[in-house]
């Protein structure tokens, strides 16, 4: 094992979506924590409530599991 978590969740894009890779392969874009859990489930990885805080499983970049805004202003 190389010490790198198998799951990487990228920082939020301007639309709030976060690219998710598993073992270096692009799996999709998540718009919520539920989307991340769905991607984990599809790959047979743990999907318990504590899985999202497991730093050996998931590397959260640009914010944690509850950060889904890009920082872009919502003003019209």
Protein backbone atom coordinates (compact mmCIF):
# COMPACT_ATOMS: atom_id res chain seq x y z
CA UNK A 1 0.00 0.00 0.00
CA UNK A 2 1.38 3.41 -0.94
CA UNK A 3 -0.32 5.39 1.85
CA UNK A 4 -2.63 7.22 -0.57
CA UNK A 5 -6.34 6.85 0.21
CA UNK A 6 -8.13 4.98 -2.59
CA UNK A 7 -10.83 7.66 -2.84
CA UNK A 8 -10.09 11.30 -3.66
CA UNK A 9 -12.81 13.95 -3.66
CA UNK A 10 -11.64 17.08 -5.48
CA UNK A 11 -12.53 20.65 -4.43
CA UNK A 12 -15.96 21.94 -5.46
CA UNK A 13 -16.24 23.28 -9.01
CA UNK A 14 -18.19 26.44 -9.84
CA UNK A 15 -21.40 24.38 -10.02
CA UNK A 16 -20.72 22.81 -6.59
CA UNK A 17 -19.92 19.38 -8.03
CA UNK A 18 -16.82 17.52 -6.85
CA UNK A 19 -14.91 15.08 -9.04
CA UNK A 20 -14.47 11.70 -7.36
CA UNK A 21 -11.68 9.30 -8.26
CA UNK A 22 -11.27 5.78 -6.91
CA UNK A 23 -7.87 4.12 -7.32
CA UNK A 24 -6.95 6.92 -9.73
CA UNK A 25 -9.93 6.30 -12.01
CA UNK A 26 -12.53 9.00 -12.54
CA UNK A 27 -15.83 7.68 -11.15
CA UNK A 28 -18.06 10.71 -11.56
CA UNK A 29 -19.03 14.06 -10.12
CA UNK A 30 -20.74 14.21 -6.74
CA UNK A 31 -23.10 17.03 -5.81
CA UNK A 32 -23.70 15.79 -2.28
CA UNK A 33 -22.35 13.42 0.32
CA UNK A 34 -25.02 10.93 -0.77
CA UNK A 35 -23.50 10.91 -4.27
CA UNK A 36 -20.08 10.07 -2.81
CA UNK A 37 -21.58 7.23 -0.78
CA UNK A 38 -23.34 5.92 -3.90
CA UNK A 39 -20.03 5.87 -5.81
CA UNK A 40 -18.37 4.04 -2.90
CA UNK A 41 -21.19 1.50 -2.82
CA UNK A 42 -20.89 0.84 -6.57
CA UNK A 43 -17.21 0.02 -6.09
CA UNK A 44 -17.80 -2.24 -3.09
CA UNK A 45 -16.15 0.15 -0.63
CA UNK A 46 -17.47 0.87 2.89
CA UNK A 47 -20.46 3.20 3.01
CA UNK A 48 -21.05 3.47 6.75
CA UNK A 49 -21.55 6.88 8.33
CA UNK A 50 -18.00 6.76 9.69
CA UNK A 51 -16.50 5.98 6.26
CA UNK A 52 -16.67 9.64 5.23
CA UNK A 53 -14.33 10.58 8.08
CA UNK A 54 -11.87 7.74 7.45
CA UNK A 55 -8.70 9.42 6.19
CA UNK A 56 -7.33 6.04 5.10
CA UNK A 57 -10.32 5.66 2.76
CA UNK A 58 -11.10 9.19 1.52
CA UNK A 59 -8.94 12.24 0.87
CA UNK A 60 -11.14 15.34 0.87
CA UNK A 61 -9.53 18.20 -1.06
CA UNK A 62 -10.77 21.78 -0.80
CA UNK A 63 -13.15 21.03 2.05
CA UNK A 64 -14.57 18.11 3.94
CA UNK A 65 -17.62 15.92 3.47
CA UNK A 66 -20.02 18.73 4.29
CA UNK A 67 -18.51 21.39 1.99
CA UNK A 68 -20.30 21.55 -1.34
CA UNK A 69 -20.22 25.22 -2.35
CA UNK A 70 -17.64 26.44 -4.80
CA UNK A 71 -17.34 29.74 -3.02
CA UNK A 72 -18.91 31.46 -6.01
CA UNK A 73 -21.41 34.14 -5.15
CA UNK A 74 -25.10 33.28 -5.41
CA UNK A 75 -26.01 36.91 -6.06
CA UNK A 76 -27.83 37.66 -9.29
